[in-house]
Amino acid sequence: MENNHRTPHNEATSKISSRPAFYTVREAAELLRVGASTLYRIIREGDFPAIRLRSRYVVPAAALDRLLAEAEATGSVVDPARIAAARRTAREAARIGGGDLW
């Protein structure tokens, strides 16, 4: 019979192993092995996915997952700036043409 009761140890372990939905810019920069100031600059230029909450930015964990998955799937360099530029171009084309964004 399986024991489904949570013990304090199990709860602590699950909290440690659970991943956040968002990272601070500093945390995301550490994961990417770049400086936080570099990542802030890239985010402000619109070339890296982030959410702005008043004066603070957070990086969705899903965005980092997608970048990693694309790098693994293609076996090549993933350039978030290129992705952001393609999205801006698509939005502008949709705005001019009156079509859907994607």
N, C-alpha and C. Protein backbone atom coordinates (compact mmCIF):
# COMPACT_ATOMS: atom_id res chain seq x y z
N MET A 1 0.84 -1.17 0.00
CA MET A 1 0.00 0.00 0.00
C MET A 1 0.89 1.24 0.00
N GLU A 2 0.56 2.19 -0.83
CA GLU A 2 1.37 3.40 -0.98
C GLU A 2 1.00 4.43 0.09
N ASN A 3 2.01 5.08 0.63
CA ASN A 3 1.80 6.10 1.64
C ASN A 3 1.73 7.46 0.96
N ASN A 4 0.54 8.05 0.93
CA ASN A 4 0.34 9.33 0.27
C ASN A 4 0.37 10.50 1.23
N HIS A 5 0.72 10.24 2.48
CA HIS A 5 0.76 11.33 3.46
C HIS A 5 2.00 12.17 3.24
N ARG A 6 1.80 13.46 3.36
CA ARG A 6 2.93 14.38 3.22
C ARG A 6 3.58 14.56 4.58
N THR A 7 4.87 14.46 4.61
CA THR A 7 5.62 14.74 5.82
C THR A 7 6.33 16.07 5.61
N PRO A 8 6.76 16.71 6.70
CA PRO A 8 7.49 17.98 6.50
C PRO A 8 8.67 17.83 5.56
N HIS A 9 9.36 16.68 5.62
CA HIS A 9 10.50 16.46 4.73
C HIS A 9 10.05 16.40 3.27
N ASN A 10 8.95 15.69 3.01
CA ASN A 10 8.45 15.58 1.64
C ASN A 10 8.02 16.94 1.10
N GLU A 11 7.36 17.74 1.93
CA GLU A 11 6.92 19.07 1.49
C GLU A 11 8.11 19.97 1.19
N ALA A 12 9.12 19.92 2.04
CA ALA A 12 10.31 20.74 1.81
C ALA A 12 11.01 20.30 0.54
N THR A 13 11.11 19.01 0.33
CA THR A 13 11.75 18.49 -0.88
C THR A 13 10.99 18.91 -2.13
N SER A 14 9.65 18.84 -2.08
CA SER A 14 8.87 19.20 -3.26
C SER A 14 8.97 20.70 -3.55
N LYS A 15 9.07 21.53 -2.50
CA LYS A 15 9.22 22.96 -2.73
C LYS A 15 10.58 23.28 -3.33
N ILE A 16 11.60 22.58 -2.90
CA ILE A 16 12.95 22.82 -3.43
C ILE A 16 13.02 22.37 -4.88
N SER A 17 12.41 21.23 -5.20
CA SER A 17 12.51 20.70 -6.56
C SER A 17 11.53 21.38 -7.52
N SER A 18 10.52 22.09 -7.01
CA SER A 18 9.59 22.75 -7.91
C SER A 18 10.25 23.99 -8.50
N ARG A 19 9.93 24.23 -9.74
CA ARG A 19 10.53 25.33 -10.48
C ARG A 19 9.57 26.50 -10.52
N PRO A 20 10.08 27.72 -10.41
CA PRO A 20 9.17 28.88 -10.47
C PRO A 20 8.63 29.08 -11.88
N ALA A 21 7.50 29.75 -11.95
CA ALA A 21 6.92 30.10 -13.26
C ALA A 21 7.67 31.27 -13.88
N PHE A 22 8.29 32.09 -13.04
CA PHE A 22 9.03 33.26 -13.49
C PHE A 22 10.36 33.33 -12.76
N TYR A 23 11.32 33.90 -13.43
CA TYR A 23 12.62 34.17 -12.83
C TYR A 23 12.85 35.67 -12.79
N THR A 24 13.58 36.12 -11.78
CA THR A 24 14.03 37.51 -11.82
C THR A 24 15.05 37.59 -12.95
N VAL A 25 15.35 38.79 -13.37
CA VAL A 25 16.33 38.96 -14.43
C VAL A 25 17.68 38.43 -13.96
N ARG A 26 18.02 38.68 -12.70
CA ARG A 26 19.29 38.19 -12.16
C ARG A 26 19.34 36.66 -12.19
N GLU A 27 18.24 35.99 -11.80
CA GLU A 27 18.19 34.52 -11.81
C GLU A 27 18.31 33.99 -13.25
N ALA A 28 17.57 34.61 -14.18
CA ALA A 28 17.63 34.17 -15.58
C ALA A 28 19.03 34.38 -16.14
N ALA A 29 19.66 35.50 -15.79
CA ALA A 29 21.02 35.77 -16.26
C ALA A 29 21.98 34.71 -15.74
N GLU A 30 21.82 34.32 -14.47
CA GLU A 30 22.69 33.28 -13.92
C GLU A 30 22.49 31.97 -14.65
N LEU A 31 21.24 31.61 -14.95
CA LEU A 31 20.97 30.38 -15.70
C LEU A 31 21.61 30.41 -17.08
N LEU A 32 21.59 31.58 -17.70
CA LEU A 32 22.14 31.74 -19.05
C LEU A 32 23.64 32.01 -19.05
N ARG A 33 24.19 32.21 -17.87
CA ARG A 33 25.63 32.49 -17.71
C ARG A 33 26.04 33.79 -18.40
N VAL A 34 25.18 34.82 -18.23
CA VAL A 34 25.50 36.17 -18.72
C VAL A 34 25.31 37.13 -17.56
N GLY A 35 25.81 38.32 -17.71
CA GLY A 35 25.63 39.33 -16.68
C GLY A 35 24.20 39.85 -16.65
N ALA A 36 23.74 40.19 -15.46
CA ALA A 36 22.38 40.72 -15.32
C ALA A 36 22.21 42.01 -16.11
N SER A 37 23.24 42.87 -16.12
CA SER A 37 23.13 44.13 -16.87
C SER A 37 22.99 43.86 -18.36
N THR A 38 23.65 42.83 -18.85
CA THR A 38 23.52 42.45 -20.27
C THR A 38 22.09 42.02 -20.57
N LEU A 39 21.52 41.19 -19.71
CA LEU A 39 20.17 40.72 -19.94
C LEU A 39 19.16 41.85 -19.81
N TYR A 40 19.34 42.74 -18.83
CA TYR A 40 18.46 43.91 -18.72
C TYR A 40 18.48 44.73 -20.00
N ARG A 41 19.67 44.96 -20.55
CA ARG A 41 19.80 45.76 -21.77
C ARG A 41 19.06 45.08 -22.92
N ILE A 42 19.25 43.78 -23.07
CA ILE A 42 18.61 43.03 -24.16
C ILE A 42 17.09 43.07 -24.00
N ILE A 43 16.62 42.95 -22.76
CA ILE A 43 15.17 43.02 -22.51
C ILE A 43 14.63 44.40 -22.87
N ARG A 44 15.30 45.46 -22.41
CA ARG A 44 14.84 46.83 -22.70
C ARG A 44 14.83 47.12 -24.19
N GLU A 45 15.75 46.51 -24.94
CA GLU A 45 15.78 46.69 -26.39
C GLU A 45 14.69 45.88 -27.10
N GLY A 46 13.96 45.06 -26.33
CA GLY A 46 12.88 44.27 -26.90
C GLY A 46 13.33 43.00 -27.58
N ASP A 47 14.55 42.56 -27.25
CA ASP A 47 15.11 41.39 -27.92
C ASP A 47 15.16 40.13 -27.06
N PHE A 48 14.47 40.15 -25.92
CA PHE A 48 14.42 38.96 -25.07
C PHE A 48 13.06 38.95 -24.38
N PRO A 49 12.41 37.78 -24.29
CA PRO A 49 11.07 37.73 -23.71
C PRO A 49 11.08 38.02 -22.22
N ALA A 50 10.24 38.95 -21.81
CA ALA A 50 10.10 39.30 -20.40
C ALA A 50 8.75 39.97 -20.20
N ILE A 51 8.35 40.05 -18.96
CA ILE A 51 7.11 40.73 -18.59
C ILE A 51 7.50 41.88 -17.69
N ARG A 52 6.97 43.05 -17.99
CA ARG A 52 7.26 44.22 -17.17
C ARG A 52 6.11 44.45 -16.20
N LEU A 53 6.44 44.49 -14.93
CA LEU A 53 5.49 44.78 -13.88
C LEU A 53 5.93 46.08 -13.22
N ARG A 54 5.32 47.16 -13.66
CA ARG A 54 5.74 48.51 -13.28
C ARG A 54 7.20 48.71 -13.66
N SER A 55 8.09 48.83 -12.70
CA SER A 55 9.50 49.07 -13.05
C SER A 55 10.33 47.80 -12.98
N ARG A 56 9.70 46.67 -12.79
CA ARG A 56 10.42 45.40 -12.62
C ARG A 56 10.13 44.46 -13.78
N TYR A 57 11.14 43.72 -14.19
CA TYR A 57 10.98 42.71 -15.23
C TYR A 57 11.08 41.33 -14.62
N VAL A 58 10.31 40.38 -15.16
CA VAL A 58 10.46 38.97 -14.83
C VAL A 58 10.53 38.20 -16.14
N VAL A 59 11.24 37.10 -16.11
CA VAL A 59 11.42 36.28 -17.30
C VAL A 59 10.62 34.99 -17.11
N PRO A 60 9.67 34.70 -17.99
CA PRO A 60 8.90 33.46 -17.87
C PRO A 60 9.80 32.24 -18.05
N ALA A 61 9.65 31.27 -17.16
CA ALA A 61 10.42 30.03 -17.27
C ALA A 61 10.10 29.35 -18.60
N ALA A 62 8.85 29.47 -19.05
CA ALA A 62 8.45 28.87 -20.33
C ALA A 62 9.24 29.45 -21.50
N ALA A 63 9.58 30.74 -21.42
CA ALA A 63 10.36 31.37 -22.49
C ALA A 63 11.76 30.77 -22.54
N LEU A 64 12.36 30.55 -21.37
CA LEU A 64 13.68 29.91 -21.34
C LEU A 64 13.59 28.48 -21.86
N ASP A 65 12.51 27.78 -21.50
CA ASP A 65 12.31 26.41 -21.98
C ASP A 65 12.21 26.37 -23.50
N ARG A 66 11.46 27.33 -24.08
CA ARG A 66 11.30 27.36 -25.55
C ARG A 66 12.63 27.63 -26.24
N LEU A 67 13.42 28.55 -25.69
CA LEU A 67 14.73 28.83 -26.29
C LEU A 67 15.62 27.60 -26.25
N LEU A 68 15.64 26.91 -25.12
CA LEU A 68 16.44 25.70 -24.99
C LEU A 68 15.94 24.61 -25.94
N ALA A 69 14.63 24.44 -26.02
CA ALA A 69 14.06 23.41 -26.89
C ALA A 69 14.40 23.69 -28.35
N GLU A 70 14.34 24.97 -28.74
CA GLU A 70 14.68 25.32 -30.13
C GLU A 70 16.15 25.04 -30.42
N ALA A 71 17.02 25.37 -29.46
CA ALA A 71 18.45 25.11 -29.64
C ALA A 71 18.71 23.62 -29.78
N GLU A 72 18.04 22.82 -28.94
CA GLU A 72 18.22 21.37 -29.02
C GLU A 72 17.64 20.79 -30.30
N ALA A 73 16.48 21.28 -30.71
CA ALA A 73 15.81 20.75 -31.90
C ALA A 73 16.56 21.08 -33.18
N THR A 74 17.09 22.31 -33.25
CA THR A 74 17.76 22.73 -34.48
C THR A 74 19.24 22.40 -34.48
N GLY A 75 19.79 22.22 -33.28
CA GLY A 75 21.22 21.96 -33.19
C GLY A 75 22.06 23.17 -33.59
N SER A 76 21.45 24.34 -33.52
CA SER A 76 22.17 25.54 -33.91
C SER A 76 21.95 26.65 -32.89
N VAL A 77 22.52 27.78 -33.17
CA VAL A 77 22.41 28.93 -32.28
C VAL A 77 20.99 29.50 -32.36
N VAL A 78 20.43 29.79 -31.20
CA VAL A 78 19.13 30.44 -31.12
C VAL A 78 19.38 31.89 -30.76
N ASP A 79 18.86 32.78 -31.57
CA ASP A 79 19.06 34.20 -31.35
C ASP A 79 17.74 34.85 -30.97
N PRO A 80 17.54 35.14 -29.67
CA PRO A 80 16.28 35.76 -29.26
C PRO A 80 16.02 37.09 -29.97
N ALA A 81 17.07 37.81 -30.32
CA ALA A 81 16.90 39.08 -31.04
C ALA A 81 16.27 38.84 -32.41
N ARG A 82 16.68 37.77 -33.09
CA ARG A 82 16.11 37.42 -34.39
C ARG A 82 14.63 37.05 -34.24
N ILE A 83 14.31 36.30 -33.19
CA ILE A 83 12.93 35.90 -32.93
C ILE A 83 12.08 37.15 -32.65
N ALA A 84 12.60 38.05 -31.82
CA ALA A 84 11.88 39.28 -31.50
C ALA A 84 11.67 40.13 -32.75
N ALA A 85 12.70 40.23 -33.59
CA ALA A 85 12.58 41.01 -34.83
C ALA A 85 11.52 40.41 -35.75
N ALA A 86 11.48 39.08 -35.84
CA ALA A 86 10.47 38.42 -36.68
C ALA A 86 9.07 38.70 -36.15
N ARG A 87 8.91 38.70 -34.82
CA ARG A 87 7.60 38.99 -34.23
C ARG A 87 7.20 40.44 -34.49
N ARG A 88 8.16 41.37 -34.36
CA ARG A 88 7.86 42.78 -34.63
C ARG A 88 7.44 42.96 -36.08
N THR A 89 8.14 42.29 -36.99
CA THR A 89 7.82 42.38 -38.42
C THR A 89 6.42 41.83 -38.68
N ALA A 90 6.10 40.69 -38.06
CA ALA A 90 4.78 40.09 -38.25
C ALA A 90 3.69 41.00 -37.70
N ARG A 91 3.93 41.61 -36.52
CA ARG A 91 2.94 42.54 -35.97
C ARG A 91 2.74 43.74 -36.87
N GLU A 92 3.84 44.27 -37.39
CA GLU A 92 3.75 45.44 -38.28
C GLU A 92 3.02 45.08 -39.57
N ALA A 93 3.32 43.90 -40.12
CA ALA A 93 2.65 43.46 -41.34
C ALA A 93 1.15 43.27 -41.08
N ALA A 94 0.81 42.73 -39.92
CA ALA A 94 -0.60 42.54 -39.58
C ALA A 94 -1.29 43.88 -39.40
N ARG A 95 -0.58 44.83 -38.78
CA ARG A 95 -1.16 46.15 -38.57
C ARG A 95 -1.43 46.84 -39.90
N ILE A 96 -0.47 46.75 -40.80
CA ILE A 96 -0.62 47.38 -42.12
C ILE A 96 -1.66 46.66 -42.96
N GLY A 97 -1.61 45.33 -42.93
CA GLY A 97 -2.51 44.54 -43.75
C GLY A 97 -3.86 44.26 -43.11
N GLY A 98 -3.99 44.57 -41.81
CA GLY A 98 -5.25 44.33 -41.13
C GLY A 98 -5.52 42.88 -40.84
N GLY A 99 -4.49 42.04 -40.86
CA GLY A 99 -4.68 40.61 -40.61
C GLY A 99 -4.41 40.23 -39.17
N ASP A 100 -4.42 38.94 -38.92
CA ASP A 100 -4.12 38.43 -37.58
C ASP A 100 -2.64 38.57 -37.28
N LEU A 101 -2.32 38.62 -35.96
CA LEU A 101 -0.93 38.79 -35.57
C LEU A 101 -0.07 37.58 -35.91
N TRP A 102 -0.56 36.39 -35.76
CA TRP A 102 0.23 35.18 -36.06
C TRP A 102 -0.64 34.20 -36.72
